[in-house]
Amino acid sequence: SFDGCISISAVQWLCNANKKSDIPAKRLYCFFSSLYSVL
């Protein structure tokens, strides 16, 4: 869908677990794999 992507001061938020179900590595992979797809 997209020709490129930018992000300012946001990605580091995925490295913190705010609830028991949050696993940073899995959330990061979900983010990056979907980002790879939409580009």
PDB file of all heavy atoms in Angstrom:
ATOM      1  N   SER A   1       0.805  -1.224   0.000  1.00  0.00           N
ATOM      2  CA  SER A   1       0.000   0.000   0.000  1.00  0.00           C
ATOM      3  C   SER A   1       0.839   1.275   0.000  1.00  0.00           C
ATOM      4  O   SER A   1       0.385   2.311  -0.494  1.00  0.00           O
ATOM      5  CB  SER A   1      -0.933   0.027   1.216  1.00  0.00           C
ATOM      6  OG  SER A   1      -1.876  -1.014   1.161  1.00  0.00           O
ATOM      7  N   PHE A   2       2.059   1.230   0.555  1.00  0.00           N
ATOM      8  CA  PHE A   2       2.799   2.464   0.811  1.00  0.00           C
ATOM      9  C   PHE A   2       4.173   2.468   0.119  1.00  0.00           C
ATOM     10  O   PHE A   2       4.831   1.434  -0.013  1.00  0.00           O
ATOM     11  CB  PHE A   2       2.993   2.675   2.313  1.00  0.00           C
ATOM     12  CG  PHE A   2       1.708   2.831   3.057  1.00  0.00           C
ATOM     13  CD1 PHE A   2       1.141   1.752   3.727  1.00  0.00           C
ATOM     14  CD2 PHE A   2       1.043   4.052   3.085  1.00  0.00           C
ATOM     15  CE1 PHE A   2      -0.052   1.886   4.420  1.00  0.00           C
ATOM     16  CE2 PHE A   2      -0.154   4.200   3.766  1.00  0.00           C
ATOM     17  CZ  PHE A   2      -0.705   3.113   4.427  1.00  0.00           C
ATOM     18  N   ASP A   3       4.565   3.680  -0.284  1.00  0.00           N
ATOM     19  CA  ASP A   3       5.868   3.876  -0.928  1.00  0.00           C
ATOM     20  C   ASP A   3       6.992   4.076   0.083  1.00  0.00           C
ATOM     21  O   ASP A   3       8.169   4.126  -0.289  1.00  0.00           O
ATOM     22  CB  ASP A   3       5.820   5.101  -1.852  1.00  0.00           C
ATOM     23  CG  ASP A   3       4.762   4.960  -2.930  1.00  0.00           C
ATOM     24  OD1 ASP A   3       4.717   3.896  -3.574  1.00  0.00           O
ATOM     25  OD2 ASP A   3       3.974   5.908  -3.118  1.00  0.00           O
ATOM     26  N   GLY A   4       6.655   4.215   1.344  1.00  0.00           N
ATOM     27  CA  GLY A   4       7.655   4.415   2.374  1.00  0.00           C
ATOM     28  C   GLY A   4       6.984   4.631   3.708  1.00  0.00           C
ATOM     29  O   GLY A   4       5.758   4.791   3.801  1.00  0.00           O
ATOM     30  N   CYS A   5       7.788   4.644   4.763  1.00  0.00           N
ATOM     31  CA  CYS A   5       7.250   4.806   6.114  1.00  0.00           C
ATOM     32  C   CYS A   5       8.234   5.587   6.958  1.00  0.00           C
ATOM     33  O   CYS A   5       9.452   5.389   6.859  1.00  0.00           O
ATOM     34  CB  CYS A   5       6.987   3.430   6.740  1.00  0.00           C
ATOM     35  SG  CYS A   5       6.657   3.480   8.522  1.00  0.00           S
ATOM     36  N   ILE A   6       7.716   6.479   7.795  1.00  0.00           N
ATOM     37  CA  ILE A   6       8.535   7.139   8.796  1.00  0.00           C
ATOM     38  C   ILE A   6       7.873   6.957  10.160  1.00  0.00           C
ATOM     39  O   ILE A   6       6.668   6.681  10.245  1.00  0.00           O
ATOM     40  CB  ILE A   6       8.754   8.640   8.524  1.00  0.00           C
ATOM     41  CG1 ILE A   6       7.454   9.433   8.715  1.00  0.00           C
ATOM     42  CG2 ILE A   6       9.350   8.877   7.149  1.00  0.00           C
ATOM     43  CD1 ILE A   6       7.664  10.937   8.768  1.00  0.00           C
ATOM     44  N   SER A   7       8.666   7.110  11.204  1.00  0.00           N
ATOM     45  CA  SER A   7       8.148   7.066  12.562  1.00  0.00           C
ATOM     46  C   SER A   7       9.072   7.888  13.443  1.00  0.00           C
ATOM     47  O   SER A   7      10.297   7.775  13.333  1.00  0.00           O
ATOM     48  CB  SER A   7       8.085   5.618  13.074  1.00  0.00           C
ATOM     49  OG  SER A   7       7.647   5.574  14.427  1.00  0.00           O
ATOM     50  N   ILE A   8       8.498   8.727  14.276  1.00  0.00           N
ATOM     51  CA  ILE A   8       9.285   9.596  15.152  1.00  0.00           C
ATOM     52  C   ILE A   8       8.984   9.247  16.608  1.00  0.00           C
ATOM     53  O   ILE A   8       7.859   9.396  17.075  1.00  0.00           O
ATOM     54  CB  ILE A   8       8.972  11.084  14.898  1.00  0.00           C
ATOM     55  CG1 ILE A   8       9.147  11.435  13.406  1.00  0.00           C
ATOM     56  CG2 ILE A   8       9.856  11.970  15.767  1.00  0.00           C
ATOM     57  CD1 ILE A   8      10.546  11.211  12.861  1.00  0.00           C
ATOM     58  N   SER A   9       9.998   8.748  17.306  1.00  0.00           N
ATOM     59  CA  SER A   9       9.942   8.523  18.757  1.00  0.00           C
ATOM     60  C   SER A   9       8.811   7.598  19.178  1.00  0.00           C
ATOM     61  O   SER A   9       8.106   7.888  20.152  1.00  0.00           O
ATOM     62  CB  SER A   9       9.816   9.856  19.493  1.00  0.00           C
ATOM     63  OG  SER A   9      10.757  10.786  19.035  1.00  0.00           O
ATOM     64  N   ALA A  10       8.632   6.491  18.470  1.00  0.00           N
ATOM     65  CA  ALA A  10       7.511   5.613  18.802  1.00  0.00           C
ATOM     66  C   ALA A  10       7.905   4.159  19.030  1.00  0.00           C
ATOM     67  O   ALA A  10       7.369   3.505  19.932  1.00  0.00           O
ATOM     68  CB  ALA A  10       6.459   5.682  17.686  1.00  0.00           C
ATOM     69  N   VAL A  11       8.836   3.626  18.264  1.00  0.00           N
ATOM     70  CA  VAL A  11       9.084   2.179  18.256  1.00  0.00           C
ATOM     71  C   VAL A  11       9.557   1.653  19.606  1.00  0.00           C
ATOM     72  O   VAL A  11       9.251   0.515  19.984  1.00  0.00           O
ATOM     73  CB  VAL A  11      10.103   1.824  17.149  1.00  0.00           C
ATOM     74  CG1 VAL A  11      10.432   0.339  17.169  1.00  0.00           C
ATOM     75  CG2 VAL A  11       9.551   2.213  15.790  1.00  0.00           C
ATOM     76  N   GLN A  12      10.291   2.465  20.381  1.00  0.00           N
ATOM     77  CA  GLN A  12      10.807   1.970  21.659  1.00  0.00           C
ATOM     78  C   GLN A  12       9.695   1.617  22.644  1.00  0.00           C
ATOM     79  O   GLN A  12       9.905   0.869  23.594  1.00  0.00           O
ATOM     80  CB  GLN A  12      11.765   2.982  22.292  1.00  0.00           C
ATOM     81  CG  GLN A  12      11.115   4.241  22.836  1.00  0.00           C
ATOM     82  CD  GLN A  12      11.007   5.338  21.788  1.00  0.00           C
ATOM     83  OE1 GLN A  12      11.383   5.148  20.633  1.00  0.00           O
ATOM     84  NE2 GLN A  12      10.498   6.490  22.191  1.00  0.00           N
ATOM     85  N   TRP A  13       8.485   2.123  22.404  1.00  0.00           N
ATOM     86  CA  TRP A  13       7.361   1.793  23.281  1.00  0.00           C
ATOM     87  C   TRP A  13       7.021   0.304  23.227  1.00  0.00           C
ATOM     88  O   TRP A  13       6.461  -0.245  24.179  1.00  0.00           O
ATOM     89  CB  TRP A  13       6.138   2.611  22.903  1.00  0.00           C
ATOM     90  CG  TRP A  13       6.195   4.032  23.363  1.00  0.00           C
ATOM     91  CD1 TRP A  13       6.728   5.093  22.686  1.00  0.00           C
ATOM     92  CD2 TRP A  13       5.718   4.562  24.603  1.00  0.00           C
ATOM     93  NE1 TRP A  13       6.613   6.252  23.421  1.00  0.00           N
ATOM     94  CE2 TRP A  13       5.989   5.961  24.605  1.00  0.00           C
ATOM     95  CE3 TRP A  13       5.080   4.002  25.708  1.00  0.00           C
ATOM     96  CZ2 TRP A  13       5.643   6.782  25.674  1.00  0.00           C
ATOM     97  CZ3 TRP A  13       4.729   4.835  26.774  1.00  0.00           C
ATOM     98  CH2 TRP A  13       5.010   6.193  26.753  1.00  0.00           C
ATOM     99  N   LEU A  14       7.346  -0.361  22.124  1.00  0.00           N
ATOM    100  CA  LEU A  14       7.027  -1.783  21.991  1.00  0.00           C
ATOM    101  C   LEU A  14       7.929  -2.671  22.846  1.00  0.00           C
ATOM    102  O   LEU A  14       7.671  -3.863  22.977  1.00  0.00           O
ATOM    103  CB  LEU A  14       7.134  -2.210  20.521  1.00  0.00           C
ATOM    104  CG  LEU A  14       6.114  -1.610  19.565  1.00  0.00           C
ATOM    105  CD1 LEU A  14       6.374  -2.085  18.149  1.00  0.00           C
ATOM    106  CD2 LEU A  14       4.695  -1.962  19.991  1.00  0.00           C
ATOM    107  N   CYS A  15       8.976  -2.101  23.405  1.00  0.00           N
ATOM    108  CA  CYS A  15       9.923  -2.892  24.204  1.00  0.00           C
ATOM    109  C   CYS A  15       9.483  -3.046  25.649  1.00  0.00           C
ATOM    110  O   CYS A  15      10.185  -3.678  26.449  1.00  0.00           O
ATOM    111  CB  CYS A  15      11.309  -2.253  24.157  1.00  0.00           C
ATOM    112  SG  CYS A  15      12.045  -2.227  22.514  1.00  0.00           S
ATOM    113  N   ASN A  16       8.346  -2.481  26.007  1.00  0.00           N
ATOM    114  CA  ASN A  16       7.863  -2.551  27.382  1.00  0.00           C
ATOM    115  C   ASN A  16       6.540  -3.304  27.441  1.00  0.00           C
ATOM    116  O   ASN A  16       5.674  -3.135  26.583  1.00  0.00           O
ATOM    117  CB  ASN A  16       7.675  -1.143  27.956  1.00  0.00           C
ATOM    118  CG  ASN A  16       8.983  -0.394  28.077  1.00  0.00           C
ATOM    119  OD1 ASN A  16       9.712  -0.545  29.048  1.00  0.00           O
ATOM    120  ND2 ASN A  16       9.292   0.425  27.069  1.00  0.00           N
ATOM    121  N   ALA A  17       6.405  -4.140  28.458  1.00  0.00           N
ATOM    122  CA  ALA A  17       5.187  -4.917  28.654  1.00  0.00           C
ATOM    123  C   ALA A  17       4.305  -4.203  29.675  1.00  0.00           C
ATOM    124  O   ALA A  17       4.667  -4.084  30.847  1.00  0.00           O
ATOM    125  CB  ALA A  17       5.525  -6.323  29.129  1.00  0.00           C
ATOM    126  N   ASN A  18       3.158  -3.729  29.233  1.00  0.00           N
ATOM    127  CA  ASN A  18       2.234  -3.022  30.122  1.00  0.00           C
ATOM    128  C   ASN A  18       1.178  -3.944  30.724  1.00  0.00           C
ATOM    129  O   ASN A  18       0.412  -3.532  31.589  1.00  0.00           O
ATOM    130  CB  ASN A  18       1.564  -1.883  29.366  1.00  0.00           C
ATOM    131  CG  ASN A  18       2.556  -0.802  28.951  1.00  0.00           C
ATOM    132  OD1 ASN A  18       3.264  -0.254  29.788  1.00  0.00           O
ATOM    133  ND2 ASN A  18       2.620  -0.522  27.659  1.00  0.00           N
ATOM    134  N   LYS A  19       1.142  -5.195  30.258  1.00  0.00           N
ATOM    135  CA  LYS A  19       0.257  -6.204  30.837  1.00  0.00           C
ATOM    136  C   LYS A  19       0.887  -7.571  30.620  1.00  0.00           C
ATOM    137  O   LYS A  19       1.833  -7.720  29.841  1.00  0.00           O
ATOM    138  CB  LYS A  19      -1.139  -6.132  30.203  1.00  0.00           C
ATOM    139  CG  LYS A  19      -1.158  -6.094  28.688  1.00  0.00           C
ATOM    140  CD  LYS A  19      -2.565  -5.820  28.180  1.00  0.00           C
ATOM    141  CE  LYS A  19      -2.571  -5.708  26.660  1.00  0.00           C
ATOM    142  NZ  LYS A  19      -3.919  -5.387  26.137  1.00  0.00           N
ATOM    143  N   LYS A  20       0.370  -8.569  31.321  1.00  0.00           N
ATOM    144  CA  LYS A  20       1.000  -9.891  31.303  1.00  0.00           C
ATOM    145  C   LYS A  20       1.046 -10.501  29.910  1.00  0.00           C
ATOM    146  O   LYS A  20       1.964 -11.254  29.577  1.00  0.00           O
ATOM    147  CB  LYS A  20       0.258 -10.829  32.265  1.00  0.00           C
ATOM    148  CG  LYS A  20       0.471 -10.486  33.740  1.00  0.00           C
ATOM    149  CD  LYS A  20      -0.211 -11.518  34.631  1.00  0.00           C
ATOM    150  CE  LYS A  20       0.043 -11.205  36.113  1.00  0.00           C
ATOM    151  NZ  LYS A  20      -0.607 -12.198  37.002  1.00  0.00           N
ATOM    152  N   SER A  21       0.057 -10.182  29.095  1.00  0.00           N
ATOM    153  CA  SER A  21      -0.009 -10.779  27.754  1.00  0.00           C
ATOM    154  C   SER A  21       0.956 -10.128  26.769  1.00  0.00           C
ATOM    155  O   SER A  21       1.150 -10.631  25.662  1.00  0.00           O
ATOM    156  CB  SER A  21      -1.436 -10.693  27.210  1.00  0.00           C
ATOM    157  OG  SER A  21      -1.863  -9.337  27.149  1.00  0.00           O
ATOM    158  N   ASP A  22       1.560  -8.998  27.145  1.00  0.00           N
ATOM    159  CA  ASP A  22       2.482  -8.295  26.247  1.00  0.00           C
ATOM    160  C   ASP A  22       3.862  -8.950  26.289  1.00  0.00           C
ATOM    161  O   ASP A  22       4.507  -8.987  27.346  1.00  0.00           O
ATOM    162  CB  ASP A  22       2.619  -6.821  26.645  1.00  0.00           C
ATOM    163  CG  ASP A  22       1.404  -6.000  26.267  1.00  0.00           C
ATOM    164  OD1 ASP A  22       0.553  -6.524  25.525  1.00  0.00           O
ATOM    165  OD2 ASP A  22       1.305  -4.847  26.729  1.00  0.00           O
ATOM    166  N   ILE A  23       4.296  -9.442  25.159  1.00  0.00           N
ATOM    167  CA  ILE A  23       5.650 -10.001  25.021  1.00  0.00           C
ATOM    168  C   ILE A  23       6.370  -9.135  23.995  1.00  0.00           C
ATOM    169  O   ILE A  23       6.043  -9.179  22.802  1.00  0.00           O
ATOM    170  CB  ILE A  23       5.611 -11.469  24.573  1.00  0.00           C
ATOM    171  CG1 ILE A  23       4.815 -12.300  25.575  1.00  0.00           C
ATOM    172  CG2 ILE A  23       7.025 -12.021  24.420  1.00  0.00           C
ATOM    173  CD1 ILE A  23       4.629 -13.744  25.170  1.00  0.00           C
ATOM    174  N   PRO A  24       7.323  -8.309  24.428  1.00  0.00           N
ATOM    175  CA  PRO A  24       7.950  -7.330  23.522  1.00  0.00           C
ATOM    176  C   PRO A  24       8.463  -7.926  22.215  1.00  0.00           C
ATOM    177  O   PRO A  24       8.229  -7.358  21.141  1.00  0.00           O
ATOM    178  CB  PRO A  24       9.093  -6.762  24.371  1.00  0.00           C
ATOM    179  CG  PRO A  24       8.583  -6.845  25.765  1.00  0.00           C
ATOM    180  CD  PRO A  24       7.814  -8.135  25.816  1.00  0.00           C
ATOM    181  N   ALA A  25       9.144  -9.062  22.261  1.00  0.00           N
ATOM    182  CA  ALA A  25       9.695  -9.648  21.036  1.00  0.00           C
ATOM    183  C   ALA A  25       8.587 -10.004  20.045  1.00  0.00           C
ATOM    184  O   ALA A  25       8.712  -9.759  18.841  1.00  0.00           O
ATOM    185  CB  ALA A  25      10.523 -10.882  21.377  1.00  0.00           C
ATOM    186  N   LYS A  26       7.482 -10.550  20.553  1.00  0.00           N
ATOM    187  CA  LYS A  26       6.377 -10.929  19.676  1.00  0.00           C
ATOM    188  C   LYS A  26       5.669  -9.699  19.112  1.00  0.00           C
ATOM    189  O   LYS A  26       5.272  -9.682  17.938  1.00  0.00           O
ATOM    190  CB  LYS A  26       5.381 -11.810  20.434  1.00  0.00           C
ATOM    191  CG  LYS A  26       5.898 -13.212  20.724  1.00  0.00           C
ATOM    192  CD  LYS A  26       4.805 -14.089  21.333  1.00  0.00           C
ATOM    193  CE  LYS A  26       5.297 -15.509  21.536  1.00  0.00           C
ATOM    194  NZ  LYS A  26       4.236 -16.375  22.114  1.00  0.00           N
ATOM    195  N   ARG A  27       5.505  -8.668  19.932  1.00  0.00           N
ATOM    196  CA  ARG A  27       4.862  -7.450  19.450  1.00  0.00           C
ATOM    197  C   ARG A  27       5.732  -6.752  18.400  1.00  0.00           C
ATOM    198  O   ARG A  27       5.224  -6.218  17.405  1.00  0.00           O
ATOM    199  CB  ARG A  27       4.564  -6.512  20.625  1.00  0.00           C
ATOM    200  CG  ARG A  27       3.348  -6.946  21.427  1.00  0.00           C
ATOM    201  CD  ARG A  27       3.169  -6.165  22.709  1.00  0.00           C
ATOM    202  NE  ARG A  27       3.047  -4.731  22.489  1.00  0.00           N
ATOM    203  CZ  ARG A  27       1.940  -4.119  22.094  1.00  0.00           C
ATOM    204  NH1 ARG A  27       0.861  -4.815  21.814  1.00  0.00           N
ATOM    205  NH2 ARG A  27       1.909  -2.796  21.962  1.00  0.00           N
ATOM    206  N   LEU A  28       7.030  -6.747  18.624  1.00  0.00           N
ATOM    207  CA  LEU A  28       7.943  -6.162  17.638  1.00  0.00           C
ATOM    208  C   LEU A  28       7.901  -6.932  16.326  1.00  0.00           C
ATOM    209  O   LEU A  28       7.860  -6.330  15.240  1.00  0.00           O
ATOM    210  CB  LEU A  28       9.369  -6.144  18.194  1.00  0.00           C
ATOM    211  CG  LEU A  28       9.685  -5.037  19.198  1.00  0.00           C
ATOM    212  CD1 LEU A  28      10.968  -5.350  19.952  1.00  0.00           C
ATOM    213  CD2 LEU A  28       9.805  -3.687  18.492  1.00  0.00           C
ATOM    214  N   TYR A  29       7.897  -8.253  16.405  1.00  0.00           N
ATOM    215  CA  TYR A  29       7.863  -9.050  15.176  1.00  0.00           C
ATOM    216  C   TYR A  29       6.544  -8.855  14.433  1.00  0.00           C
ATOM    217  O   TYR A  29       6.521  -8.747  13.203  1.00  0.00           O
ATOM    218  CB  TYR A  29       8.068 -10.529  15.488  1.00  0.00           C
ATOM    219  CG  TYR A  29       8.002 -11.390  14.249  1.00  0.00           C
ATOM    220  CD1 TYR A  29       9.062 -11.404  13.334  1.00  0.00           C
ATOM    221  CD2 TYR A  29       6.877 -12.154  13.963  1.00  0.00           C
ATOM    222  CE1 TYR A  29       8.993 -12.176  12.179  1.00  0.00           C
ATOM    223  CE2 TYR A  29       6.801 -12.923  12.821  1.00  0.00           C
ATOM    224  CZ  TYR A  29       7.861 -12.920  11.931  1.00  0.00           C
ATOM    225  OH  TYR A  29       7.793 -13.671  10.780  1.00  0.00           O
ATOM    226  N   CYS A  30       5.448  -8.798  15.177  1.00  0.00           N
ATOM    227  CA  CYS A  30       4.145  -8.551  14.547  1.00  0.00           C
ATOM    228  C   CYS A  30       4.152  -7.205  13.834  1.00  0.00           C
ATOM    229  O   CYS A  30       3.655  -7.082  12.707  1.00  0.00           O
ATOM    230  CB  CYS A  30       3.045  -8.603  15.604  1.00  0.00           C
ATOM    231  SG  CYS A  30       1.385  -8.317  14.955  1.00  0.00           S
ATOM    232  N   PHE A  31       4.726  -6.211  14.473  1.00  0.00           N
ATOM    233  CA  PHE A  31       4.806  -4.878  13.873  1.00  0.00           C
ATOM    234  C   PHE A  31       5.654  -4.895  12.609  1.00  0.00           C
ATOM    235  O   PHE A  31       5.228  -4.428  11.540  1.00  0.00           O
ATOM    236  CB  PHE A  31       5.383  -3.892  14.888  1.00  0.00           C
ATOM    237  CG  PHE A  31       5.878  -2.609  14.284  1.00  0.00           C
ATOM    238  CD1 PHE A  31       5.006  -1.733  13.653  1.00  0.00           C
ATOM    239  CD2 PHE A  31       7.227  -2.274  14.333  1.00  0.00           C
ATOM    240  CE1 PHE A  31       5.463  -0.544  13.082  1.00  0.00           C
ATOM    241  CE2 PHE A  31       7.687  -1.097  13.771  1.00  0.00           C
ATOM    242  CZ  PHE A  31       6.815  -0.234  13.144  1.00  0.00           C
ATOM    243  N   PHE A  32       6.868  -5.422  12.700  1.00  0.00           N
ATOM    244  CA  PHE A  32       7.782  -5.385  11.560  1.00  0.00           C
ATOM    245  C   PHE A  32       7.309  -6.277  10.405  1.00  0.00           C
ATOM    246  O   PHE A  32       7.471  -5.909   9.234  1.00  0.00           O
ATOM    247  CB  PHE A  32       9.187  -5.793  11.994  1.00  0.00           C
ATOM    248  CG  PHE A  32       9.938  -4.710  12.726  1.00  0.00           C
ATOM    249  CD1 PHE A  32      10.367  -4.903  14.027  1.00  0.00           C
ATOM    250  CD2 PHE A  32      10.208  -3.498  12.114  1.00  0.00           C
ATOM    251  CE1 PHE A  32      11.055  -3.905  14.702  1.00  0.00           C
ATOM    252  CE2 PHE A  32      10.887  -2.488  12.784  1.00  0.00           C
ATOM    253  CZ  PHE A  32      11.314  -2.693  14.080  1.00  0.00           C
ATOM    254  N   SER A  33       6.743  -7.415  10.706  1.00  0.00           N
ATOM    255  CA  SER A  33       6.285  -8.292   9.626  1.00  0.00           C
ATOM    256  C   SER A  33       5.117  -7.664   8.867  1.00  0.00           C
ATOM    257  O   SER A  33       5.041  -7.760   7.630  1.00  0.00           O
ATOM    258  CB  SER A  33       5.889  -9.663  10.184  1.00  0.00           C
ATOM    259  OG  SER A  33       4.867  -9.542  11.152  1.00  0.00           O
ATOM    260  N   SER A  34       4.210  -7.013   9.586  1.00  0.00           N
ATOM    261  CA  SER A  34       3.095  -6.342   8.910  1.00  0.00           C
ATOM    262  C   SER A  34       3.576  -5.104   8.170  1.00  0.00           C
ATOM    263  O   SER A  34       3.068  -4.783   7.082  1.00  0.00           O
ATOM    264  CB  SER A  34       2.003  -5.975   9.916  1.00  0.00           C
ATOM    265  OG  SER A  34       2.499  -5.089  10.909  1.00  0.00           O
ATOM    266  N   LEU A  35       4.566  -4.406   8.728  1.00  0.00           N
ATOM    267  CA  LEU A  35       5.127  -3.244   8.044  1.00  0.00           C
ATOM    268  C   LEU A  35       5.808  -3.667   6.748  1.00  0.00           C
ATOM    269  O   LEU A  35       5.657  -3.006   5.705  1.00  0.00           O
ATOM    270  CB  LEU A  35       6.135  -2.535   8.954  1.00  0.00           C
ATOM    271  CG  LEU A  35       6.887  -1.337   8.355  1.00  0.00           C
ATOM    272  CD1 LEU A  35       5.919  -0.246   7.912  1.00  0.00           C
ATOM    273  CD2 LEU A  35       7.903  -0.776   9.350  1.00  0.00           C
ATOM    274  N   TYR A  36       6.532  -4.768   6.794  1.00  0.00           N
ATOM    275  CA  TYR A  36       7.183  -5.282   5.587  1.00  0.00           C
ATOM    276  C   TYR A  36       6.150  -5.584   4.504  1.00  0.00           C
ATOM    277  O   TYR A  36       6.376  -5.334   3.319  1.00  0.00           O
ATOM    278  CB  TYR A  36       7.974  -6.544   5.930  1.00  0.00           C
ATOM    279  CG  TYR A  36       8.808  -7.094   4.803  1.00  0.00           C
ATOM    280  CD1 TYR A  36      10.118  -6.665   4.600  1.00  0.00           C
ATOM    281  CD2 TYR A  36       8.293  -8.044   3.925  1.00  0.00           C
ATOM    282  CE1 TYR A  36      10.886  -7.163   3.560  1.00  0.00           C
ATOM    283  CE2 TYR A  36       9.047  -8.555   2.887  1.00  0.00           C
ATOM    284  CZ  TYR A  36      10.342  -8.109   2.710  1.00  0.00           C
ATOM    285  OH  TYR A  36      11.104  -8.611   1.673  1.00  0.00           O
ATOM    286  N   SER A  37       5.000  -6.087   4.925  1.00  0.00           N
ATOM    287  CA  SER A  37       3.958  -6.454   3.968  1.00  0.00           C
ATOM    288  C   SER A  37       3.332  -5.230   3.299  1.00  0.00           C
ATOM    289  O   SER A  37       3.084  -5.245   2.082  1.00  0.00           O
ATOM    290  CB  SER A  37       2.872  -7.268   4.673  1.00  0.00           C
ATOM    291  OG  SER A  37       1.768  -7.501   3.825  1.00  0.00           O
ATOM    292  N   VAL A  38       3.076  -4.159   4.065  1.00  0.00           N
ATOM    293  CA  VAL A  38       2.335  -3.023   3.508  1.00  0.00           C
ATOM    294  C   VAL A  38       3.211  -2.108   2.648  1.00  0.00           C
ATOM    295  O   VAL A  38       2.690  -1.217   1.969  1.00  0.00           O
ATOM    296  CB  VAL A  38       1.667  -2.186   4.625  1.00  0.00           C
ATOM    297  CG1 VAL A  38       0.716  -3.046   5.433  1.00  0.00           C
ATOM    298  CG2 VAL A  38       2.701  -1.511   5.510  1.00  0.00           C
ATOM    299  N   LEU A  39       4.531  -2.317   2.650  1.00  0.00           N
ATOM    300  CA  LEU A  39       5.417  -1.517   1.806  1.00  0.00           C
ATOM    301  C   LEU A  39       5.577  -2.163   0.439  1.00  0.00           C
ATOM    302  O   LEU A  39       5.612  -3.391   0.318  1.00  0.00           O
ATOM    303  CB  LEU A  39       6.798  -1.385   2.462  1.00  0.00           C
ATOM    304  CG  LEU A  39       6.884  -0.591   3.771  1.00  0.00           C
ATOM    305  CD1 LEU A  39       8.300  -0.660   4.320  1.00  0.00           C
ATOM    306  CD2 LEU A  39       6.462   0.854   3.561  1.00  0.00           C
TER     307      LEU A  39
END
